[in-house]
Every structure is written in structure tokens, then in C-alpha cells.
Amino acid sequence: MVTAIEPESEPFKNSAEIADTFQELLVDVLDKMHYQDKRMKYIENKFLEQSVLLEKTVTSLEDLGRRMAEFESSTRFARETDNPKKTVANIDPLQTDTRLDVQELFTVNHHLLKSRSLSRQHVAFSAYLSKTVDNVSIGQVIKCDAILLNDGNAYNPDLGVFTASENGVYIFSFAVASTTQTYVKLLVDGLNTAGVLVSHVGHNQTAMTSNTIIVRVGIGQSVWLENYINDDVTLVSFGPFIYTAFSGYQLY
């Protein structure tokens, strides 16, 4: 009797396909691990930022509490000094109340906020070109020479440069009008931070564009506007029409 021999099974017939599938799965897993790693780093950075912010908030609250305690002490002393009936000899212990009433608390907060406002120098400026400027070259600083506002005297119209008098977050806004295709950038301590493009629209026609940014600036760092890419550009601004301008102020 002849026994039929079945074809030998081929367990490795599709080994190439299996290898390809495994490779795809491995790449997918590695991509997900890389994404999770980036996500964890992002979360760690955010956690550090929030920790720093929380530490600053706690410090501010402690300072506010200390100031309130000092002001409460001085207010109570002045109140007792101004009132001759309130002497050590005739104060009734049953009527003594060291707590501040609502009106006194309002007065304390008012004086604290006022003193804090006065202790912090307000920084804000707004300037513009007083006349149209021709033949502006690459790398030339745009000197907005006409001052609308310069609280804190941080902006120098002769140089066209703002210099931060203290660390903080600042808002800067600038507008550029030109009859030629013009590129202007805002630099913070030499670092290109923002820019605008005025597209050429035709002969003797003027176009205008603007930009606004919020950026952190350190004490002593400078901010200015500068022409780049194209030479021999024309910046338009004249009379009461403030076309090319540069403004900024400290947000906090």
C-alpha cells in the first residue's frame, strides 16, 4: 500500500512578510515612545514654570502680609495717639478690639496698592517718523524721532532704541508705510523677534502694514526697528498722519 505524502508545510513561507510587519510595528512603537518622551519633557517644563510662578506668588503674598501688618500697626498707633481718651490708663479691656473694621481695611488696601503703584516706575512710549525718509539702507535703524509718549524715558528718539529699565514682559507694536517693497524687523538685543513686509503696489503708491508682539525683556536689553533685505527703500510718514511708528509698554 502506497501512502500519499502530503506536501511539507512551509511555516517560513511568509517570513519576509512577517519581518516587514514586525519592522512596521517596531517603528510605530518607537515613534510613540519618542512622542511620549517629548510629551513628558513638555510637562516637566510646564511644571517648572508653574513652580516658579507659585514661588513668586507666595513671596508676593508674604510681602503683602508683612506690609499690611506694618500698616495696621502704624495705623493703630496713630489712632491711639490722635485720640486722647485711648491711653493705657483708661482703656477698657472689654471694649478693646485690635481687629480692623471694614473701613479701616479698605484704607489699608488703598494705601498698599497706592504705595506699590508709586514704587513701580511706569514704562510706556510711543514715537513716529516726523517726515518721510528716503534711501534707507540694509541694517539701518529706523529712528522714530517724534515723541507722543515716553513715560520712564526708556526710549531714545535720537537712536531709535528702547532700553528696558527693569525685567518684565513688554508689548511692542510697530507700523511701516512705504512706496517700495520694504522689510522691517524688530530686534531684542540683536535677536530678530518679529517682522513686517510692505509689498510694492505700484509707482508712487503707498502701502502700510503692522505687527504686535508680547515678549520678555531683561533689564538693560535694547529693542529697535531695522530695515533689511532691500536697499534704498522709502519710509512714509508726515504731519499729523502717523504712518511709520513704534510703540511699547511694560505689561507686568
C-alpha atoms as a PDB file:
ATOM      1  CA  MET A   1       0.000   0.000   0.000  1.00  0.00           C
ATOM      2  CA  VAL A   2       1.379   3.324  -1.047  1.00  0.00           C
ATOM      3  CA  THR A   3       0.876   6.116   1.394  1.00  0.00           C
ATOM      4  CA  ALA A   4       0.381   9.529  -0.132  1.00  0.00           C
ATOM      5  CA  ILE A   5       2.891  12.047   1.128  1.00  0.00           C
ATOM      6  CA  GLU A   6       1.360  15.390   1.873  1.00  0.00           C
ATOM      7  CA  PRO A   7       3.296  18.465   0.811  1.00  0.00           C
ATOM      8  CA  GLU A   8       5.660  19.635   3.517  1.00  0.00           C
ATOM      9  CA  SER A   9       4.239  22.582   5.455  1.00  0.00           C
ATOM     10  CA  GLU A  10       6.014  25.861   4.877  1.00  0.00           C
ATOM     11  CA  PRO A  11       5.997  27.707   8.218  1.00  0.00           C
ATOM     12  CA  PHE A  12       8.543  30.167   6.937  1.00  0.00           C
ATOM     13  CA  LYS A  13       6.932  30.760   3.591  1.00  0.00           C
ATOM     14  CA  ASN A  14       5.814  34.263   4.595  1.00  0.00           C
ATOM     15  CA  SER A  15       8.826  35.058   6.774  1.00  0.00           C
ATOM     16  CA  ALA A  16       9.589  38.179   4.722  1.00  0.00           C
ATOM     17  CA  GLU A  17       6.058  39.476   5.215  1.00  0.00           C
ATOM     18  CA  ILE A  18       6.249  38.738   8.943  1.00  0.00           C
ATOM     19  CA  ALA A  19       9.577  40.533   9.171  1.00  0.00           C
ATOM     20  CA  ASP A  20       8.144  43.547   7.370  1.00  0.00           C
ATOM     21  CA  THR A  21       5.125  43.618   9.668  1.00  0.00           C
ATOM     22  CA  PHE A  22       7.334  43.332  12.730  1.00  0.00           C
ATOM     23  CA  GLN A  23       9.530  46.155  11.426  1.00  0.00           C
ATOM     24  CA  GLU A  24       6.476  48.370  10.930  1.00  0.00           C
ATOM     25  CA  LEU A  25       5.229  47.609  14.439  1.00  0.00           C
ATOM     26  CA  LEU A  26       8.675  48.335  15.879  1.00  0.00           C
ATOM     27  CA  VAL A  27       8.882  51.684  14.077  1.00  0.00           C
ATOM     28  CA  ASP A  28       5.378  52.552  15.284  1.00  0.00           C
ATOM     29  CA  VAL A  29       6.291  51.689  18.881  1.00  0.00           C
ATOM     30  CA  LEU A  30       9.495  53.737  18.693  1.00  0.00           C
ATOM     31  CA  ASP A  31       7.589  56.711  17.288  1.00  0.00           C
ATOM     32  CA  LYS A  32       5.086  56.517  20.122  1.00  0.00           C
ATOM     33  CA  MET A  33       7.870  56.240  22.684  1.00  0.00           C
ATOM     34  CA  HIS A  34       9.575  59.281  21.156  1.00  0.00           C
ATOM     35  CA  TYR A  35       6.297  61.206  21.269  1.00  0.00           C
ATOM     36  CA  GLN A  36       5.722  60.245  24.887  1.00  0.00           C
ATOM     37  CA  ASP A  37       9.265  61.313  25.749  1.00  0.00           C
ATOM     38  CA  LYS A  38       8.707  64.726  24.167  1.00  0.00           C
ATOM     39  CA  ARG A  39       5.366  64.987  25.943  1.00  0.00           C
ATOM     40  CA  MET A  40       6.974  64.227  29.304  1.00  0.00           C
ATOM     41  CA  LYS A  41       9.660  66.852  28.721  1.00  0.00           C
ATOM     42  CA  TYR A  42       6.963  69.389  27.848  1.00  0.00           C
ATOM     43  CA  ILE A  43       5.044  68.541  31.039  1.00  0.00           C
ATOM     44  CA  GLU A  44       8.232  68.815  33.106  1.00  0.00           C
ATOM     45  CA  ASN A  45       8.963  72.257  31.666  1.00  0.00           C
ATOM     46  CA  LYS A  46       5.414  73.422  32.359  1.00  0.00           C
ATOM     47  CA  PHE A  47       5.656  72.079  35.889  1.00  0.00           C
ATOM     48  CA  LEU A  48       8.882  74.013  36.446  1.00  0.00           C
ATOM     49  CA  GLU A  49       7.287  77.188  35.078  1.00  0.00           C
ATOM     50  CA  GLN A  50       4.293  76.790  37.375  1.00  0.00           C
ATOM     51  CA  SER A  51       6.594  76.099  40.329  1.00  0.00           C
ATOM     52  CA  VAL A  52       8.497  79.322  39.691  1.00  0.00           C
ATOM     53  CA  LEU A  53       5.225  81.234  39.318  1.00  0.00           C
ATOM     54  CA  LEU A  54       3.879  79.731  42.539  1.00  0.00           C
ATOM     55  CA  GLU A  55       7.076  80.641  44.394  1.00  0.00           C
ATOM     56  CA  LYS A  56       6.813  84.235  43.170  1.00  0.00           C
ATOM     57  CA  THR A  57       3.146  84.362  44.195  1.00  0.00           C
ATOM     58  CA  VAL A  58       3.916  83.060  47.688  1.00  0.00           C
ATOM     59  CA  THR A  59       6.698  85.636  48.051  1.00  0.00           C
ATOM     60  CA  SER A  60       4.347  88.411  46.939  1.00  0.00           C
ATOM     61  CA  LEU A  61       1.660  87.291  49.388  1.00  0.00           C
ATOM     62  CA  GLU A  62       4.177  87.150  52.226  1.00  0.00           C
ATOM     63  CA  ASP A  63       5.385  90.646  51.354  1.00  0.00           C
ATOM     64  CA  LEU A  64       1.794  91.890  51.181  1.00  0.00           C
ATOM     65  CA  GLY A  65       1.030  90.353  54.585  1.00  0.00           C
ATOM     66  CA  ARG A  66       4.102  91.972  56.084  1.00  0.00           C
ATOM     67  CA  ARG A  67       3.147  95.355  54.668  1.00  0.00           C
ATOM     68  CA  MET A  68      -0.417  95.020  55.938  1.00  0.00           C
ATOM     69  CA  ALA A  69       0.853  94.130  59.404  1.00  0.00           C
ATOM     70  CA  GLU A  70       3.193  97.124  59.407  1.00  0.00           C
ATOM     71  CA  PHE A  71       0.499  99.454  58.170  1.00  0.00           C
ATOM     72  CA  GLU A  72      -2.020  98.072  60.683  1.00  0.00           C
ATOM     73  CA  SER A  73       0.463  98.659  63.494  1.00  0.00           C
ATOM     74  CA  SER A  74       1.223 102.215  62.387  1.00  0.00           C
ATOM     75  CA  THR A  75      -2.476 102.957  61.851  1.00  0.00           C
ATOM     76  CA  ARG A  76      -3.391 101.695  65.306  1.00  0.00           C
ATOM     77  CA  PHE A  77      -0.573 103.714  66.878  1.00  0.00           C
ATOM     78  CA  ALA A  78      -1.670 106.866  65.057  1.00  0.00           C
ATOM     79  CA  ARG A  79      -5.310 106.273  66.030  1.00  0.00           C
ATOM     80  CA  GLU A  80      -4.417 105.846  69.683  1.00  0.00           C
ATOM     81  CA  THR A  81      -2.099 108.879  69.596  1.00  0.00           C
ATOM     82  CA  ASP A  82      -4.721 111.106  67.996  1.00  0.00           C
ATOM     83  CA  ASN A  83      -7.434 110.030  70.453  1.00  0.00           C
ATOM     84  CA  PRO A  84      -6.558 111.292  73.975  1.00  0.00           C
ATOM     85  CA  LYS A  85      -9.241 109.109  75.516  1.00  0.00           C
ATOM     86  CA  LYS A  86      -7.337 106.000  74.395  1.00  0.00           C
ATOM     87  CA  THR A  87      -4.492 105.900  76.895  1.00  0.00           C
ATOM     88  CA  VAL A  88      -3.015 102.932  78.634  1.00  0.00           C
ATOM     89  CA  ALA A  89      -4.635 104.051  81.872  1.00  0.00           C
ATOM     90  CA  ASN A  90      -8.225 104.324  80.691  1.00  0.00           C
ATOM     91  CA  ILE A  91      -8.623 101.628  78.010  1.00  0.00           C
ATOM     92  CA  ASP A  92     -11.459  99.308  78.909  1.00  0.00           C
ATOM     93  CA  PRO A  93     -10.215  95.738  78.306  1.00  0.00           C
ATOM     94  CA  LEU A  94     -13.761  94.623  77.493  1.00  0.00           C
ATOM     95  CA  GLN A  95     -14.007  97.189  74.687  1.00  0.00           C
ATOM     96  CA  THR A  96     -10.516  96.666  73.250  1.00  0.00           C
ATOM     97  CA  ASP A  97     -10.621  95.278  69.696  1.00  0.00           C
ATOM     98  CA  THR A  98      -7.415  95.031  67.719  1.00  0.00           C
ATOM     99  CA  ARG A  99      -9.210  93.981  64.528  1.00  0.00           C
ATOM    100  CA  LEU A 100      -9.654  96.434  61.711  1.00  0.00           C
ATOM    101  CA  ASP A 101     -13.212  97.293  60.704  1.00  0.00           C
ATOM    102  CA  VAL A 102     -14.291  97.327  57.049  1.00  0.00           C
ATOM    103  CA  GLN A 103     -13.461 100.987  56.506  1.00  0.00           C
ATOM    104  CA  GLU A 104     -10.012 100.625  58.029  1.00  0.00           C
ATOM    105  CA  LEU A 105      -9.302  97.531  55.947  1.00  0.00           C
ATOM    106  CA  PHE A 106     -10.315  99.430  52.822  1.00  0.00           C
ATOM    107  CA  THR A 107      -7.942 102.238  53.808  1.00  0.00           C
ATOM    108  CA  VAL A 108      -5.097  99.762  54.349  1.00  0.00           C
ATOM    109  CA  ASN A 109      -5.611  98.147  50.951  1.00  0.00           C
ATOM    110  CA  HIS A 110      -5.871 101.544  49.274  1.00  0.00           C
ATOM    111  CA  HIS A 111      -2.588 102.751  50.730  1.00  0.00           C
ATOM    112  CA  LEU A 112      -0.824  99.466  49.961  1.00  0.00           C
ATOM    113  CA  LEU A 113      -1.916  99.500  46.349  1.00  0.00           C
ATOM    114  CA  LYS A 114      -1.001 103.154  46.027  1.00  0.00           C
ATOM    115  CA  SER A 115       2.464 102.640  47.510  1.00  0.00           C
ATOM    116  CA  ARG A 116       3.052  99.620  45.281  1.00  0.00           C
ATOM    117  CA  SER A 117       1.982 101.620  42.237  1.00  0.00           C
ATOM    118  CA  LEU A 118       4.256 104.507  43.160  1.00  0.00           C
ATOM    119  CA  SER A 119       7.216 102.230  43.859  1.00  0.00           C
ATOM    120  CA  ARG A 120       7.000 100.730  40.373  1.00  0.00           C
ATOM    121  CA  GLN A 121       8.072 103.011  37.570  1.00  0.00           C
ATOM    122  CA  HIS A 122       5.615 103.151  34.687  1.00  0.00           C
ATOM    123  CA  VAL A 123       7.269 102.431  31.346  1.00  0.00           C
ATOM    124  CA  ALA A 124       5.460 103.281  28.116  1.00  0.00           C
ATOM    125  CA  PHE A 125       6.451 105.006  24.902  1.00  0.00           C
ATOM    126  CA  SER A 126       5.054 105.872  21.502  1.00  0.00           C
ATOM    127  CA  ALA A 127       7.011 107.550  18.714  1.00  0.00           C
ATOM    128  CA  TYR A 128       6.798 108.045  14.965  1.00  0.00           C
ATOM    129  CA  LEU A 129       8.723 109.386  11.981  1.00  0.00           C
ATOM    130  CA  SER A 130       8.167 113.122  11.704  1.00  0.00           C
ATOM    131  CA  LYS A 131       8.826 113.066   7.949  1.00  0.00           C
ATOM    132  CA  THR A 132       9.293 110.708   5.030  1.00  0.00           C
ATOM    133  CA  VAL A 133      12.774 109.177   4.876  1.00  0.00           C
ATOM    134  CA  ASP A 134      14.336 108.121   1.548  1.00  0.00           C
ATOM    135  CA  ASN A 135      17.301 105.915   0.686  1.00  0.00           C
ATOM    136  CA  VAL A 136      17.051 103.718   3.780  1.00  0.00           C
ATOM    137  CA  SER A 137      19.764 101.065   3.558  1.00  0.00           C
ATOM    138  CA  ILE A 138      20.008  97.481   4.795  1.00  0.00           C
ATOM    139  CA  GLY A 139      20.807  97.359   8.505  1.00  0.00           C
ATOM    140  CA  GLN A 140      19.740 100.957   9.096  1.00  0.00           C
ATOM    141  CA  VAL A 141      17.882 101.576  12.361  1.00  0.00           C
ATOM    142  CA  ILE A 142      14.503 103.244  11.907  1.00  0.00           C
ATOM    143  CA  LYS A 143      14.653 106.255  14.215  1.00  0.00           C
ATOM    144  CA  CYS A 144      11.132 107.329  15.123  1.00  0.00           C
ATOM    145  CA  ASP A 145      12.076 110.822  16.231  1.00  0.00           C
ATOM    146  CA  ALA A 146       8.716 112.401  17.133  1.00  0.00           C
ATOM    147  CA  ILE A 147       7.569 111.520  20.665  1.00  0.00           C
ATOM    148  CA  LEU A 148       3.926 111.060  21.623  1.00  0.00           C
ATOM    149  CA  LEU A 149       4.646 109.453  24.998  1.00  0.00           C
ATOM    150  CA  ASN A 150       7.821 108.464  26.838  1.00  0.00           C
ATOM    151  CA  ASP A 151       6.985 107.590  30.451  1.00  0.00           C
ATOM    152  CA  GLY A 152      10.117 106.362  32.180  1.00  0.00           C
ATOM    153  CA  ASN A 153      12.345 107.855  29.441  1.00  0.00           C
ATOM    154  CA  ALA A 154      13.298 104.369  28.272  1.00  0.00           C
ATOM    155  CA  TYR A 155      13.046 105.266  24.575  1.00  0.00           C
ATOM    156  CA  ASN A 156      15.831 107.282  22.921  1.00  0.00           C
ATOM    157  CA  PRO A 157      14.473 109.110  19.843  1.00  0.00           C
ATOM    158  CA  ASP A 158      17.986 110.069  18.684  1.00  0.00           C
ATOM    159  CA  LEU A 159      18.969 106.408  18.431  1.00  0.00           C
ATOM    160  CA  GLY A 160      15.534 104.906  17.820  1.00  0.00           C
ATOM    161  CA  VAL A 161      16.222 102.424  20.622  1.00  0.00           C
ATOM    162  CA  PHE A 162      14.185 101.360  23.664  1.00  0.00           C
ATOM    163  CA  THR A 163      16.184 100.097  26.678  1.00  0.00           C
ATOM    164  CA  ALA A 164      14.389  98.199  29.447  1.00  0.00           C
ATOM    165  CA  SER A 165      14.882  99.730  32.887  1.00  0.00           C
ATOM    166  CA  GLU A 166      13.698  96.541  34.620  1.00  0.00           C
ATOM    167  CA  ASN A 167      12.942  92.905  33.891  1.00  0.00           C
ATOM    168  CA  GLY A 168       9.434  92.218  32.667  1.00  0.00           C
ATOM    169  CA  VAL A 169       7.009  91.291  29.932  1.00  0.00           C
ATOM    170  CA  TYR A 170       6.546  94.025  27.331  1.00  0.00           C
ATOM    171  CA  ILE A 171       4.188  94.681  24.431  1.00  0.00           C
ATOM    172  CA  PHE A 172       5.684  96.211  21.293  1.00  0.00           C
ATOM    173  CA  SER A 173       3.777  97.412  18.263  1.00  0.00           C
ATOM    174  CA  PHE A 174       5.142  98.903  15.074  1.00  0.00           C
ATOM    175  CA  ALA A 175       3.733 100.098  11.760  1.00  0.00           C
ATOM    176  CA  VAL A 176       5.577 100.752   8.498  1.00  0.00           C
ATOM    177  CA  ALA A 177       4.391 102.639   5.415  1.00  0.00           C
ATOM    178  CA  SER A 178       6.423 102.645   2.225  1.00  0.00           C
ATOM    179  CA  THR A 179       6.280 103.281  -1.513  1.00  0.00           C
ATOM    180  CA  THR A 180       8.742 100.442  -2.128  1.00  0.00           C
ATOM    181  CA  GLN A 181       8.866  96.799  -1.157  1.00  0.00           C
ATOM    182  CA  THR A 182      10.213  97.014   2.371  1.00  0.00           C
ATOM    183  CA  TYR A 183      11.175  94.533   5.057  1.00  0.00           C
ATOM    184  CA  VAL A 184      11.445  95.720   8.658  1.00  0.00           C
ATOM    185  CA  LYS A 185      12.304  93.594  11.682  1.00  0.00           C
ATOM    186  CA  LEU A 186      12.064  94.189  15.424  1.00  0.00           C
ATOM    187  CA  LEU A 187      15.148  93.099  17.326  1.00  0.00           C
ATOM    188  CA  VAL A 188      15.514  92.387  21.043  1.00  0.00           C
ATOM    189  CA  ASP A 189      19.182  92.686  21.958  1.00  0.00           C
ATOM    190  CA  GLY A 190      20.103  91.902  18.353  1.00  0.00           C
ATOM    191  CA  LEU A 191      17.790  88.888  18.088  1.00  0.00           C
ATOM    192  CA  ASN A 192      15.234  89.010  15.274  1.00  0.00           C
ATOM    193  CA  THR A 193      11.918  88.736  17.126  1.00  0.00           C
ATOM    194  CA  ALA A 194       9.251  89.976  14.691  1.00  0.00           C
ATOM    195  CA  GLY A 195       8.960  91.491  11.246  1.00  0.00           C
ATOM    196  CA  VAL A 196       6.713  93.046   8.626  1.00  0.00           C
ATOM    197  CA  LEU A 197       6.648  93.156   4.845  1.00  0.00           C
ATOM    198  CA  VAL A 198       5.311  96.104   2.878  1.00  0.00           C
ATOM    199  CA  SER A 199       4.534  94.813  -0.604  1.00  0.00           C
ATOM    200  CA  HIS A 200       5.181  97.045  -3.583  1.00  0.00           C
ATOM    201  CA  VAL A 201       1.819  98.045  -5.047  1.00  0.00           C
ATOM    202  CA  GLY A 202       2.849 100.357  -7.870  1.00  0.00           C
ATOM    203  CA  HIS A 203       4.665 103.522  -8.801  1.00  0.00           C
ATOM    204  CA  ASN A 204       4.108 106.370  -6.311  1.00  0.00           C
ATOM    205  CA  GLN A 205       1.613 104.289  -4.359  1.00  0.00           C
ATOM    206  CA  THR A 206       1.924 103.747  -0.621  1.00  0.00           C
ATOM    207  CA  ALA A 207       1.254 100.521   1.283  1.00  0.00           C
ATOM    208  CA  MET A 208       1.235 100.009   5.038  1.00  0.00           C
ATOM    209  CA  THR A 209       1.481  97.071   7.438  1.00  0.00           C
ATOM    210  CA  SER A 210       1.952  96.491  11.174  1.00  0.00           C
ATOM    211  CA  ASN A 211       2.731  93.877  13.801  1.00  0.00           C
ATOM    212  CA  THR A 212       2.400  93.450  17.571  1.00  0.00           C
ATOM    213  CA  ILE A 213       4.272  91.073  19.878  1.00  0.00           C
ATOM    214  CA  ILE A 214       4.480  90.254  23.583  1.00  0.00           C
ATOM    215  CA  VAL A 215       7.995  89.380  24.712  1.00  0.00           C
ATOM    216  CA  ARG A 216      10.046  89.117  27.882  1.00  0.00           C
ATOM    217  CA  VAL A 217      12.870  91.666  28.075  1.00  0.00           C
ATOM    218  CA  GLY A 218      15.645  91.758  30.658  1.00  0.00           C
ATOM    219  CA  ILE A 219      16.961  94.862  32.362  1.00  0.00           C
ATOM    220  CA  GLY A 220      19.435  96.681  30.127  1.00  0.00           C
ATOM    221  CA  GLN A 221      18.326  94.886  26.956  1.00  0.00           C
ATOM    222  CA  SER A 222      17.528  97.055  23.932  1.00  0.00           C
ATOM    223  CA  VAL A 223      14.736  96.877  21.354  1.00  0.00           C
ATOM    224  CA  TRP A 224      14.712  98.626  17.965  1.00  0.00           C
ATOM    225  CA  LEU A 225      13.420  98.518  14.381  1.00  0.00           C
ATOM    226  CA  GLU A 226      15.745  97.821  11.474  1.00  0.00           C
ATOM    227  CA  ASN A 227      15.467  97.703   7.688  1.00  0.00           C
ATOM    228  CA  TYR A 228      16.722  94.533   5.984  1.00  0.00           C
ATOM    229  CA  ILE A 229      16.808  92.603   2.678  1.00  0.00           C
ATOM    230  CA  ASN A 230      16.193  95.614   0.406  1.00  0.00           C
ATOM    231  CA  ASP A 231      18.323  98.728  -0.028  1.00  0.00           C
ATOM    232  CA  ASP A 232      17.203 102.228  -0.975  1.00  0.00           C
ATOM    233  CA  VAL A 233      13.697 101.996   0.481  1.00  0.00           C
ATOM    234  CA  THR A 234      11.373 104.871   1.338  1.00  0.00           C
ATOM    235  CA  LEU A 235       9.569 105.111   4.681  1.00  0.00           C
ATOM    236  CA  VAL A 236       6.468 107.305   4.588  1.00  0.00           C
ATOM    237  CA  SER A 237       5.288 109.441   7.489  1.00  0.00           C
ATOM    238  CA  PHE A 238       4.433 113.129   7.681  1.00  0.00           C
ATOM    239  CA  GLY A 239       2.453 115.779   9.509  1.00  0.00           C
ATOM    240  CA  PRO A 240      -0.480 114.537  11.569  1.00  0.00           C
ATOM    241  CA  PHE A 241      -0.568 111.273   9.613  1.00  0.00           C
ATOM    242  CA  ILE A 242       1.386 108.852  11.748  1.00  0.00           C
ATOM    243  CA  TYR A 243       2.151 106.067   9.303  1.00  0.00           C
ATOM    244  CA  THR A 244       5.533 104.730  10.409  1.00  0.00           C
ATOM    245  CA  ALA A 245       5.546 104.353  14.201  1.00  0.00           C
ATOM    246  CA  PHE A 246       6.984 102.375  17.111  1.00  0.00           C
ATOM    247  CA  SER A 247       5.295 101.878  20.499  1.00  0.00           C
ATOM    248  CA  GLY A 248       5.635  99.724  23.595  1.00  0.00           C
ATOM    249  CA  TYR A 249       4.901  99.401  27.294  1.00  0.00           C
ATOM    250  CA  GLN A 250       5.588  97.113  30.223  1.00  0.00           C
ATOM    251  CA  LEU A 251       2.733  94.694  30.806  1.00  0.00           C
ATOM    252  CA  TYR A 252       3.997  93.350  34.144  1.00  0.00           C
END
